[in-house]
Amino acid sequence: MPDWLAAMVPFDRYLVDVGEHRIHVMEVGEGPTVLCVHGNPTWGFLYRKVAQALAGEARIIMPDLVGLGFSDHPRDSSMHTLENHIDWMGLLVDALALSDVTLVVQDWGGPIGVGAFVDRSDRLAGLVVLNTVLSEPKSGFKPTAFHRFGRLPVISETAFRLLGFPQVRLSMAQGDKRSISGAVARAYRYPLRDRRSNQAPLALVRMVPDSMDHPSVPALRRIGEFVRSYRGPAAIVWGDRDPVLGRVRNHIASMLPEAPVTRTRAGHFLQEEVPVEIADAVQSVLPN
């Protein structure tokens, strides 16, 4: 990590073996454990403002998904399945011996993070849900234009692998376009700058179901059943100006009917725009 970037994340950093790969983790603070799981195409950097807002309140753990950030980047795109990512996240939880975890999830971090606790429910103490999906799609659904684009042959490979999409245009998904610019935008681009090992963004787009026969659907169904049966403390913070998942808010709220919902004018990467609101939600579900 170059000095300019390390200065933006003044946290402890280490690598954890998860089978054949290593996950890069940033950590700061002491107290109740808060595990923050990001999605595509970001990395733990996304949670730095939330971690700073929670300073002194908790132990904040911010891993990078395999293929993103400073975790290992497998060059075989077929490795990127929802089941694999769930397994890798579960191995991380086991390796760090995490318990009484308050889980914070966004984007693919929702299914991956929650999926890791389906078989570790006794270790889950609280849940904070940001813009994400936590269940299988409804029969007859239509994928978003973004996800349809990700399946176009040749064009999508060119855009994602050669031109660095979508990490070069993250600001377009924001409520405040200025929230991802300058050094912050550079920080998101940096780990995916090598075209030889930037398979993950496109692979994770294609991990989104385009039909009920998609291989991600069984895991998503299992995760949905788990979330609907969850009775622990929970909170929802939502970016209503998210062009990808903004409209999913009511569905998520119906899955967690007791969870208070904080609506904001943020976009998809709401951690950049409303970190204090997210930190407040985390504090509201932390174990006493």
C-alpha atoms as a PDB file:
ATOM      1  CA  MET A   1       0.000   0.000   0.000  1.00  0.00           C
ATOM      2  CA  PRO A   2       1.544   3.345  -1.007  1.00  0.00           C
ATOM      3  CA  ASP A   3       2.140   5.977   1.674  1.00  0.00           C
ATOM      4  CA  TRP A   4      -0.558   8.336   0.369  1.00  0.00           C
ATOM      5  CA  LEU A   5      -3.164   5.601   0.714  1.00  0.00           C
ATOM      6  CA  ALA A   6      -1.903   4.231   4.028  1.00  0.00           C
ATOM      7  CA  ALA A   7      -2.295   7.720   5.490  1.00  0.00           C
ATOM      8  CA  MET A   8      -6.023   7.575   4.675  1.00  0.00           C
ATOM      9  CA  VAL A   9      -6.521   4.317   6.606  1.00  0.00           C
ATOM     10  CA  PRO A  10      -4.524   4.653   9.860  1.00  0.00           C
ATOM     11  CA  PHE A  11      -5.627   1.241  11.104  1.00  0.00           C
ATOM     12  CA  ASP A  12      -3.939  -2.036  11.966  1.00  0.00           C
ATOM     13  CA  ARG A  13      -3.614  -4.165   8.839  1.00  0.00           C
ATOM     14  CA  TYR A  14      -3.016  -7.894   8.446  1.00  0.00           C
ATOM     15  CA  LEU A  15      -3.674 -10.900   6.215  1.00  0.00           C
ATOM     16  CA  VAL A  16      -5.747 -13.961   7.158  1.00  0.00           C
ATOM     17  CA  ASP A  17      -5.543 -17.318   5.384  1.00  0.00           C
ATOM     18  CA  VAL A  18      -8.947 -18.549   4.177  1.00  0.00           C
ATOM     19  CA  GLY A  19      -8.087 -21.785   2.447  1.00  0.00           C
ATOM     20  CA  GLU A  20      -6.190 -21.137  -0.762  1.00  0.00           C
ATOM     21  CA  HIS A  21      -6.512 -17.354  -0.502  1.00  0.00           C
ATOM     22  CA  ARG A  22      -5.694 -14.549   1.917  1.00  0.00           C
ATOM     23  CA  ILE A  23      -8.051 -11.815   3.055  1.00  0.00           C
ATOM     24  CA  HIS A  24      -6.693  -8.377   3.884  1.00  0.00           C
ATOM     25  CA  VAL A  25      -8.184  -6.945   7.076  1.00  0.00           C
ATOM     26  CA  MET A  26      -8.086  -3.503   8.658  1.00  0.00           C
ATOM     27  CA  GLU A  27      -8.937  -3.165  12.329  1.00  0.00           C
ATOM     28  CA  VAL A  28      -9.229  -0.393  14.880  1.00  0.00           C
ATOM     29  CA  GLY A  29     -10.565   0.085  18.396  1.00  0.00           C
ATOM     30  CA  GLU A  30     -11.537  -2.076  21.340  1.00  0.00           C
ATOM     31  CA  GLY A  31     -14.836  -3.290  22.734  1.00  0.00           C
ATOM     32  CA  PRO A  32     -17.778  -5.106  21.130  1.00  0.00           C
ATOM     33  CA  THR A  33     -16.915  -6.591  17.731  1.00  0.00           C
ATOM     34  CA  VAL A  34     -18.308  -4.888  14.629  1.00  0.00           C
ATOM     35  CA  LEU A  35     -17.664  -6.683  11.336  1.00  0.00           C
ATOM     36  CA  CYS A  36     -18.163  -4.424   8.304  1.00  0.00           C
ATOM     37  CA  VAL A  37     -18.535  -6.157   4.936  1.00  0.00           C
ATOM     38  CA  HIS A  38     -18.421  -4.176   1.692  1.00  0.00           C
ATOM     39  CA  GLY A  39     -19.481  -5.122  -1.811  1.00  0.00           C
ATOM     40  CA  ASN A  40     -18.534  -4.604  -5.452  1.00  0.00           C
ATOM     41  CA  PRO A  41     -16.124  -3.039  -6.484  1.00  0.00           C
ATOM     42  CA  THR A  42     -14.939  -1.421  -3.252  1.00  0.00           C
ATOM     43  CA  TRP A  43     -12.839  -2.560  -0.283  1.00  0.00           C
ATOM     44  CA  GLY A  44     -12.620  -1.976   3.483  1.00  0.00           C
ATOM     45  CA  PHE A  45     -11.666   1.643   2.759  1.00  0.00           C
ATOM     46  CA  LEU A  46     -15.412   2.230   2.310  1.00  0.00           C
ATOM     47  CA  TYR A  47     -15.946   1.936   6.080  1.00  0.00           C
ATOM     48  CA  ARG A  48     -13.121   4.208   7.252  1.00  0.00           C
ATOM     49  CA  LYS A  49     -15.457   7.119   8.129  1.00  0.00           C
ATOM     50  CA  VAL A  50     -17.830   4.809  10.008  1.00  0.00           C
ATOM     51  CA  ALA A  51     -14.863   3.408  11.945  1.00  0.00           C
ATOM     52  CA  GLN A  52     -13.720   6.919  12.831  1.00  0.00           C
ATOM     53  CA  ALA A  53     -17.243   7.871  13.941  1.00  0.00           C
ATOM     54  CA  LEU A  54     -17.261   4.815  16.230  1.00  0.00           C
ATOM     55  CA  ALA A  55     -13.827   5.546  17.675  1.00  0.00           C
ATOM     56  CA  GLY A  56     -13.572   4.263  21.232  1.00  0.00           C
ATOM     57  CA  GLU A  57     -16.948   2.485  21.064  1.00  0.00           C
ATOM     58  CA  ALA A  58     -16.099  -0.855  19.468  1.00  0.00           C
ATOM     59  CA  ARG A  59     -13.580  -3.103  17.762  1.00  0.00           C
ATOM     60  CA  ILE A  60     -14.132  -2.407  14.059  1.00  0.00           C
ATOM     61  CA  ILE A  61     -13.034  -5.113  11.604  1.00  0.00           C
ATOM     62  CA  MET A  62     -13.022  -4.216   7.897  1.00  0.00           C
ATOM     63  CA  PRO A  63     -12.048  -7.094   5.568  1.00  0.00           C
ATOM     64  CA  ASP A  64     -11.620  -6.902   1.798  1.00  0.00           C
ATOM     65  CA  LEU A  65     -13.544  -9.486  -0.196  1.00  0.00           C
ATOM     66  CA  VAL A  66     -11.395 -11.956  -2.111  1.00  0.00           C
ATOM     67  CA  GLY A  67     -10.618 -10.406  -5.487  1.00  0.00           C
ATOM     68  CA  LEU A  68     -10.996  -6.840  -4.215  1.00  0.00           C
ATOM     69  CA  GLY A  69      -8.916  -4.392  -2.224  1.00  0.00           C
ATOM     70  CA  PHE A  70      -5.677  -5.860  -0.929  1.00  0.00           C
ATOM     71  CA  SER A  71      -6.945  -9.409  -0.543  1.00  0.00           C
ATOM     72  CA  ASP A  72      -5.726 -12.038  -3.002  1.00  0.00           C
ATOM     73  CA  HIS A  73      -6.983 -11.551  -6.550  1.00  0.00           C
ATOM     74  CA  PRO A  74      -7.547 -14.984  -8.126  1.00  0.00           C
ATOM     75  CA  ARG A  75      -7.149 -14.840 -11.895  1.00  0.00           C
ATOM     76  CA  ASP A  76      -9.750 -17.541 -12.444  1.00  0.00           C
ATOM     77  CA  SER A  77     -13.045 -15.654 -12.575  1.00  0.00           C
ATOM     78  CA  SER A  78     -14.973 -18.897 -12.022  1.00  0.00           C
ATOM     79  CA  MET A  79     -13.794 -18.785  -8.392  1.00  0.00           C
ATOM     80  CA  HIS A  80     -16.222 -15.937  -7.794  1.00  0.00           C
ATOM     81  CA  THR A  81     -19.379 -17.725  -6.714  1.00  0.00           C
ATOM     82  CA  LEU A  82     -21.635 -16.671  -3.878  1.00  0.00           C
ATOM     83  CA  GLU A  83     -21.014 -19.974  -2.106  1.00  0.00           C
ATOM     84  CA  ASN A  84     -17.237 -19.476  -2.301  1.00  0.00           C
ATOM     85  CA  HIS A  85     -17.404 -15.930  -0.951  1.00  0.00           C
ATOM     86  CA  ILE A  86     -19.636 -17.077   1.905  1.00  0.00           C
ATOM     87  CA  ASP A  87     -17.175 -19.856   2.704  1.00  0.00           C
ATOM     88  CA  TRP A  88     -14.213 -17.467   2.652  1.00  0.00           C
ATOM     89  CA  MET A  89     -15.982 -15.001   4.946  1.00  0.00           C
ATOM     90  CA  GLY A  90     -16.941 -17.832   7.302  1.00  0.00           C
ATOM     91  CA  LEU A  91     -13.328 -18.987   7.445  1.00  0.00           C
ATOM     92  CA  LEU A  92     -12.313 -15.437   8.343  1.00  0.00           C
ATOM     93  CA  VAL A  93     -14.848 -15.361  11.197  1.00  0.00           C
ATOM     94  CA  ASP A  94     -13.490 -18.691  12.421  1.00  0.00           C
ATOM     95  CA  ALA A  95      -9.829 -17.707  12.062  1.00  0.00           C
ATOM     96  CA  LEU A  96     -10.366 -14.537  14.103  1.00  0.00           C
ATOM     97  CA  ALA A  97     -12.555 -16.447  16.602  1.00  0.00           C
ATOM     98  CA  LEU A  98     -15.200 -13.724  16.359  1.00  0.00           C
ATOM     99  CA  SER A  99     -18.235 -13.909  18.653  1.00  0.00           C
ATOM    100  CA  ASP A 100     -21.013 -11.532  19.723  1.00  0.00           C
ATOM    101  CA  VAL A 101     -20.616  -9.889  16.330  1.00  0.00           C
ATOM    102  CA  THR A 102     -22.546  -6.852  15.189  1.00  0.00           C
ATOM    103  CA  LEU A 103     -22.599  -7.300  11.427  1.00  0.00           C
ATOM    104  CA  VAL A 104     -22.765  -4.288   9.084  1.00  0.00           C
ATOM    105  CA  VAL A 105     -23.406  -5.110   5.418  1.00  0.00           C
ATOM    106  CA  GLN A 106     -23.818  -3.346   2.072  1.00  0.00           C
ATOM    107  CA  ASP A 107     -24.098  -4.429  -1.569  1.00  0.00           C
ATOM    108  CA  TRP A 108     -22.715  -7.987  -2.038  1.00  0.00           C
ATOM    109  CA  GLY A 109     -21.506  -7.716   1.553  1.00  0.00           C
ATOM    110  CA  GLY A 110     -25.121  -8.408   2.557  1.00  0.00           C
ATOM    111  CA  PRO A 111     -25.485 -11.941   1.201  1.00  0.00           C
ATOM    112  CA  ILE A 112     -21.816 -12.741   1.808  1.00  0.00           C
ATOM    113  CA  GLY A 113     -21.696 -11.415   5.361  1.00  0.00           C
ATOM    114  CA  VAL A 114     -25.075 -12.742   6.459  1.00  0.00           C
ATOM    115  CA  GLY A 115     -24.430 -15.994   4.604  1.00  0.00           C
ATOM    116  CA  ALA A 116     -21.350 -16.604   6.739  1.00  0.00           C
ATOM    117  CA  PHE A 117     -23.517 -16.503   9.880  1.00  0.00           C
ATOM    118  CA  VAL A 118     -26.288 -18.810   8.683  1.00  0.00           C
ATOM    119  CA  ASP A 119     -24.313 -21.680  10.202  1.00  0.00           C
ATOM    120  CA  ARG A 120     -22.850 -19.480  12.967  1.00  0.00           C
ATOM    121  CA  SER A 121     -26.018 -17.829  14.247  1.00  0.00           C
ATOM    122  CA  ASP A 122     -24.883 -18.163  17.861  1.00  0.00           C
ATOM    123  CA  ARG A 123     -22.084 -15.686  17.105  1.00  0.00           C
ATOM    124  CA  LEU A 124     -24.347 -12.988  15.633  1.00  0.00           C
ATOM    125  CA  ALA A 125     -25.328 -10.323  18.167  1.00  0.00           C
ATOM    126  CA  GLY A 126     -26.749  -7.614  15.913  1.00  0.00           C
ATOM    127  CA  LEU A 127     -27.354  -6.640  12.296  1.00  0.00           C
ATOM    128  CA  VAL A 128     -27.103  -3.287  10.540  1.00  0.00           C
ATOM    129  CA  VAL A 129     -28.286  -3.376   6.935  1.00  0.00           C
ATOM    130  CA  LEU A 130     -27.271  -0.781   4.361  1.00  0.00           C
ATOM    131  CA  ASN A 131     -28.184  -0.805   0.662  1.00  0.00           C
ATOM    132  CA  THR A 132     -28.131  -4.491  -0.229  1.00  0.00           C
ATOM    133  CA  VAL A 133     -30.249  -7.534  -1.106  1.00  0.00           C
ATOM    134  CA  LEU A 134     -30.841 -10.350   1.391  1.00  0.00           C
ATOM    135  CA  SER A 135     -33.007 -12.876  -0.432  1.00  0.00           C
ATOM    136  CA  GLU A 136     -33.661 -14.549  -3.748  1.00  0.00           C
ATOM    137  CA  PRO A 137     -35.428 -12.507  -6.438  1.00  0.00           C
ATOM    138  CA  LYS A 138     -39.107 -12.898  -7.154  1.00  0.00           C
ATOM    139  CA  SER A 139     -40.072 -15.149 -10.033  1.00  0.00           C
ATOM    140  CA  GLY A 140     -40.353 -13.162 -13.251  1.00  0.00           C
ATOM    141  CA  PHE A 141     -38.004 -10.389 -12.092  1.00  0.00           C
ATOM    142  CA  LYS A 142     -36.002  -8.317 -14.573  1.00  0.00           C
ATOM    143  CA  PRO A 143     -32.305  -7.598 -13.899  1.00  0.00           C
ATOM    144  CA  THR A 144     -31.260  -3.940 -13.761  1.00  0.00           C
ATOM    145  CA  ALA A 145     -29.755  -2.277 -16.817  1.00  0.00           C
ATOM    146  CA  PHE A 146     -26.366  -2.300 -15.070  1.00  0.00           C
ATOM    147  CA  HIS A 147     -26.496  -6.063 -14.540  1.00  0.00           C
ATOM    148  CA  ARG A 148     -27.809  -6.702 -18.048  1.00  0.00           C
ATOM    149  CA  PHE A 149     -24.872  -4.704 -19.401  1.00  0.00           C
ATOM    150  CA  GLY A 150     -22.496  -6.910 -17.394  1.00  0.00           C
ATOM    151  CA  ARG A 151     -23.581  -9.922 -19.410  1.00  0.00           C
ATOM    152  CA  LEU A 152     -23.036  -8.450 -22.861  1.00  0.00           C
ATOM    153  CA  PRO A 153     -20.196 -10.329 -24.572  1.00  0.00           C
ATOM    154  CA  VAL A 154     -17.067  -8.393 -25.547  1.00  0.00           C
ATOM    155  CA  ILE A 155     -18.518  -4.991 -24.603  1.00  0.00           C
ATOM    156  CA  SER A 156     -18.711  -5.779 -20.893  1.00  0.00           C
ATOM    157  CA  GLU A 157     -15.233  -7.335 -20.856  1.00  0.00           C
ATOM    158  CA  THR A 158     -13.849  -4.219 -22.512  1.00  0.00           C
ATOM    159  CA  ALA A 159     -15.604  -1.866 -20.108  1.00  0.00           C
ATOM    160  CA  PHE A 160     -14.789  -3.773 -16.926  1.00  0.00           C
ATOM    161  CA  ARG A 161     -11.375  -5.264 -17.643  1.00  0.00           C
ATOM    162  CA  LEU A 162      -9.793  -2.621 -19.890  1.00  0.00           C
ATOM    163  CA  LEU A 163     -11.538   0.622 -18.982  1.00  0.00           C
ATOM    164  CA  GLY A 164     -11.872  -0.011 -15.237  1.00  0.00           C
ATOM    165  CA  PHE A 165     -15.651   0.202 -15.019  1.00  0.00           C
ATOM    166  CA  PRO A 166     -17.405   0.664 -12.591  1.00  0.00           C
ATOM    167  CA  GLN A 167     -14.687   1.758 -10.147  1.00  0.00           C
ATOM    168  CA  VAL A 168     -13.763   4.703 -12.390  1.00  0.00           C
ATOM    169  CA  ARG A 169     -17.357   5.982 -12.164  1.00  0.00           C
ATOM    170  CA  LEU A 170     -18.433   5.285  -8.580  1.00  0.00           C
ATOM    171  CA  SER A 171     -19.530   8.896  -8.131  1.00  0.00           C
ATOM    172  CA  MET A 172     -22.395   8.308 -10.560  1.00  0.00           C
ATOM    173  CA  ALA A 173     -24.095   6.088  -7.970  1.00  0.00           C
ATOM    174  CA  GLN A 174     -23.962   8.763  -5.279  1.00  0.00           C
ATOM    175  CA  GLY A 175     -26.467  11.262  -3.994  1.00  0.00           C
ATOM    176  CA  ASP A 176     -23.641  13.780  -3.687  1.00  0.00           C
ATOM    177  CA  LYS A 177     -21.325  13.176  -6.643  1.00  0.00           C
ATOM    178  CA  ARG A 178     -18.532  15.027  -4.837  1.00  0.00           C
ATOM    179  CA  SER A 179     -18.454  12.362  -2.116  1.00  0.00           C
ATOM    180  CA  ILE A 180     -16.252  10.157  -4.307  1.00  0.00           C
ATOM    181  CA  SER A 181     -13.703  12.353  -6.036  1.00  0.00           C
ATOM    182  CA  GLY A 182     -10.025  13.256  -5.914  1.00  0.00           C
ATOM    183  CA  ALA A 183      -7.912  11.101  -3.602  1.00  0.00           C
ATOM    184  CA  VAL A 184     -10.975   9.125  -2.457  1.00  0.00           C
ATOM    185  CA  ALA A 185     -11.815   8.089  -6.018  1.00  0.00           C
ATOM    186  CA  ARG A 186      -8.156   7.239  -6.580  1.00  0.00           C
ATOM    187  CA  ALA A 187      -8.185   5.044  -3.464  1.00  0.00           C
ATOM    188  CA  TYR A 188     -11.010   2.944  -4.883  1.00  0.00           C
ATOM    189  CA  ARG A 189      -9.310   2.583  -8.264  1.00  0.00           C
ATOM    190  CA  TYR A 190      -5.855   1.732  -6.958  1.00  0.00           C
ATOM    191  CA  PRO A 191      -6.288  -1.959  -5.931  1.00  0.00           C
ATOM    192  CA  LEU A 192      -7.855  -2.782  -9.318  1.00  0.00           C
ATOM    193  CA  ARG A 193      -5.345  -0.949 -11.489  1.00  0.00           C
ATOM    194  CA  ASP A 194      -3.721  -4.190 -12.780  1.00  0.00           C
ATOM    195  CA  ARG A 195      -5.682  -5.510 -15.754  1.00  0.00           C
ATOM    196  CA  ARG A 196      -4.178  -8.982 -15.206  1.00  0.00           C
ATOM    197  CA  SER A 197      -5.942  -9.402 -11.863  1.00  0.00           C
ATOM    198  CA  ASN A 198      -9.073  -7.230 -11.961  1.00  0.00           C
ATOM    199  CA  GLN A 199     -11.516 -10.049 -12.726  1.00  0.00           C
ATOM    200  CA  ALA A 200     -13.651  -9.543  -9.622  1.00  0.00           C
ATOM    201  CA  PRO A 201     -15.859  -6.551 -10.564  1.00  0.00           C
ATOM    202  CA  LEU A 202     -17.272  -8.202 -13.681  1.00  0.00           C
ATOM    203  CA  ALA A 203     -17.444 -11.629 -12.020  1.00  0.00           C
ATOM    204  CA  LEU A 204     -19.389 -10.177  -9.083  1.00  0.00           C
ATOM    205  CA  VAL A 205     -21.813  -8.451 -11.448  1.00  0.00           C
ATOM    206  CA  ARG A 206     -22.409 -11.792 -13.143  1.00  0.00           C
ATOM    207  CA  MET A 207     -22.891 -13.380  -9.707  1.00  0.00           C
ATOM    208  CA  VAL A 208     -26.198 -11.466  -9.557  1.00  0.00           C
ATOM    209  CA  PRO A 209     -29.068 -13.702 -10.732  1.00  0.00           C
ATOM    210  CA  ASP A 210     -30.460 -13.143 -14.203  1.00  0.00           C
ATOM    211  CA  SER A 211     -32.960 -15.983 -13.836  1.00  0.00           C
ATOM    212  CA  MET A 212     -34.326 -18.295 -11.150  1.00  0.00           C
ATOM    213  CA  ASP A 213     -31.927 -20.965 -12.447  1.00  0.00           C
ATOM    214  CA  HIS A 214     -28.848 -18.868 -11.643  1.00  0.00           C
ATOM    215  CA  PRO A 215     -26.380 -20.638  -9.293  1.00  0.00           C
ATOM    216  CA  SER A 216     -26.611 -17.818  -6.704  1.00  0.00           C
ATOM    217  CA  VAL A 217     -30.338 -18.390  -6.128  1.00  0.00           C
ATOM    218  CA  PRO A 218     -30.143 -21.346  -3.675  1.00  0.00           C
ATOM    219  CA  ALA A 219     -27.759 -19.472  -1.374  1.00  0.00           C
ATOM    220  CA  LEU A 220     -29.863 -16.305  -1.598  1.00  0.00           C
ATOM    221  CA  ARG A 221     -32.963 -18.315  -0.709  1.00  0.00           C
ATOM    222  CA  ARG A 222     -31.196 -19.771   2.331  1.00  0.00           C
ATOM    223  CA  ILE A 223     -30.067 -16.291   3.397  1.00  0.00           C
ATOM    224  CA  GLY A 224     -33.580 -14.901   2.987  1.00  0.00           C
ATOM    225  CA  GLU A 225     -35.007 -17.612   5.229  1.00  0.00           C
ATOM    226  CA  PHE A 226     -32.367 -16.842   7.851  1.00  0.00           C
ATOM    227  CA  VAL A 227     -33.030 -13.094   7.807  1.00  0.00           C
ATOM    228  CA  ARG A 228     -36.801 -13.539   8.042  1.00  0.00           C
ATOM    229  CA  SER A 229     -36.330 -15.758  11.105  1.00  0.00           C
ATOM    230  CA  TYR A 230     -33.782 -13.446  12.750  1.00  0.00           C
ATOM    231  CA  ARG A 231     -35.020 -12.039  16.062  1.00  0.00           C
ATOM    232  CA  GLY A 232     -31.967 -10.172  17.314  1.00  0.00           C
ATOM    233  CA  PRO A 233     -31.426  -6.408  17.338  1.00  0.00           C
ATOM    234  CA  ALA A 234     -31.280  -4.845  13.903  1.00  0.00           C
ATOM    235  CA  ALA A 235     -31.309  -1.472  12.181  1.00  0.00           C
ATOM    236  CA  ILE A 236     -31.545  -0.306   8.582  1.00  0.00           C
ATOM    237  CA  VAL A 237     -29.876   2.760   7.069  1.00  0.00           C
ATOM    238  CA  TRP A 238     -30.775   3.416   3.448  1.00  0.00           C
ATOM    239  CA  GLY A 239     -29.559   5.638   0.657  1.00  0.00           C
ATOM    240  CA  ASP A 240     -32.730   6.510  -1.243  1.00  0.00           C
ATOM    241  CA  ARG A 241     -30.809   8.042  -4.139  1.00  0.00           C
ATOM    242  CA  ASP A 242     -29.107   4.758  -4.981  1.00  0.00           C
ATOM    243  CA  PRO A 243     -29.785   4.105  -8.714  1.00  0.00           C
ATOM    244  CA  VAL A 244     -29.124   0.361  -8.312  1.00  0.00           C
ATOM    245  CA  LEU A 245     -30.809  -0.694  -5.057  1.00  0.00           C
ATOM    246  CA  GLY A 246     -32.684   2.374  -3.843  1.00  0.00           C
ATOM    247  CA  ARG A 247     -36.093   0.814  -4.486  1.00  0.00           C
ATOM    248  CA  VAL A 248     -35.299  -2.327  -2.475  1.00  0.00           C
ATOM    249  CA  ARG A 249     -35.718  -0.507   0.862  1.00  0.00           C
ATOM    250  CA  ASN A 250     -39.324  -1.541   1.498  1.00  0.00           C
ATOM    251  CA  HIS A 251     -38.554  -5.182   0.779  1.00  0.00           C
ATOM    252  CA  ILE A 252     -35.631  -5.177   3.216  1.00  0.00           C
ATOM    253  CA  ALA A 253     -37.789  -3.459   5.833  1.00  0.00           C
ATOM    254  CA  SER A 254     -40.469  -6.130   5.402  1.00  0.00           C
ATOM    255  CA  MET A 255     -37.876  -8.811   6.143  1.00  0.00           C
ATOM    256  CA  LEU A 256     -36.841  -7.093   9.387  1.00  0.00           C
ATOM    257  CA  PRO A 257     -40.142  -5.559  10.560  1.00  0.00           C
ATOM    258  CA  GLU A 258     -38.845  -4.603  14.016  1.00  0.00           C
ATOM    259  CA  ALA A 259     -35.780  -2.787  12.688  1.00  0.00           C
ATOM    260  CA  PRO A 260     -35.926   1.027  12.650  1.00  0.00           C
ATOM    261  CA  VAL A 261     -35.271   2.494   9.199  1.00  0.00           C
ATOM    262  CA  THR A 262     -33.157   5.609   8.729  1.00  0.00           C
ATOM    263  CA  ARG A 263     -33.783   7.043   5.274  1.00  0.00           C
ATOM    264  CA  THR A 264     -31.155   9.335   3.768  1.00  0.00           C
ATOM    265  CA  ARG A 265     -30.555  11.174   0.512  1.00  0.00           C
ATOM    266  CA  ALA A 266     -27.305   9.261   0.021  1.00  0.00           C
ATOM    267  CA  GLY A 267     -26.527   7.010  -2.904  1.00  0.00           C
ATOM    268  CA  HIS A 268     -25.270   3.451  -3.208  1.00  0.00           C
ATOM    269  CA  PHE A 269     -21.997   3.915  -1.319  1.00  0.00           C
ATOM    270  CA  LEU A 270     -23.715   5.645   1.573  1.00  0.00           C
ATOM    271  CA  GLN A 271     -20.794   5.074   3.937  1.00  0.00           C
ATOM    272  CA  GLU A 272     -19.114   8.004   2.155  1.00  0.00           C
ATOM    273  CA  GLU A 273     -22.102  10.308   2.640  1.00  0.00           C
ATOM    274  CA  VAL A 274     -23.787   9.430   5.943  1.00  0.00           C
ATOM    275  CA  PRO A 275     -21.184   7.724   8.182  1.00  0.00           C
ATOM    276  CA  VAL A 276     -22.560   9.292  11.366  1.00  0.00           C
ATOM    277  CA  GLU A 277     -26.056   7.934  10.718  1.00  0.00           C
ATOM    278  CA  ILE A 278     -24.539   4.483  10.157  1.00  0.00           C
ATOM    279  CA  ALA A 279     -22.435   4.747  13.316  1.00  0.00           C
ATOM    280  CA  ASP A 280     -25.542   5.746  15.285  1.00  0.00           C
ATOM    281  CA  ALA A 281     -27.359   2.671  13.959  1.00  0.00           C
ATOM    282  CA  VAL A 282     -24.439   0.455  14.953  1.00  0.00           C
ATOM    283  CA  GLN A 283     -24.410   1.901  18.458  1.00  0.00           C
ATOM    284  CA  SER A 284     -28.157   1.268  18.754  1.00  0.00           C
ATOM    285  CA  VAL A 285     -27.692  -2.491  18.275  1.00  0.00           C
ATOM    286  CA  LEU A 286     -24.368  -3.045  20.067  1.00  0.00           C
ATOM    287  CA  PRO A 287     -24.551  -5.488  22.983  1.00  0.00           C
ATOM    288  CA  ASN A 288     -24.788  -3.771  26.354  1.00  0.00           C
END
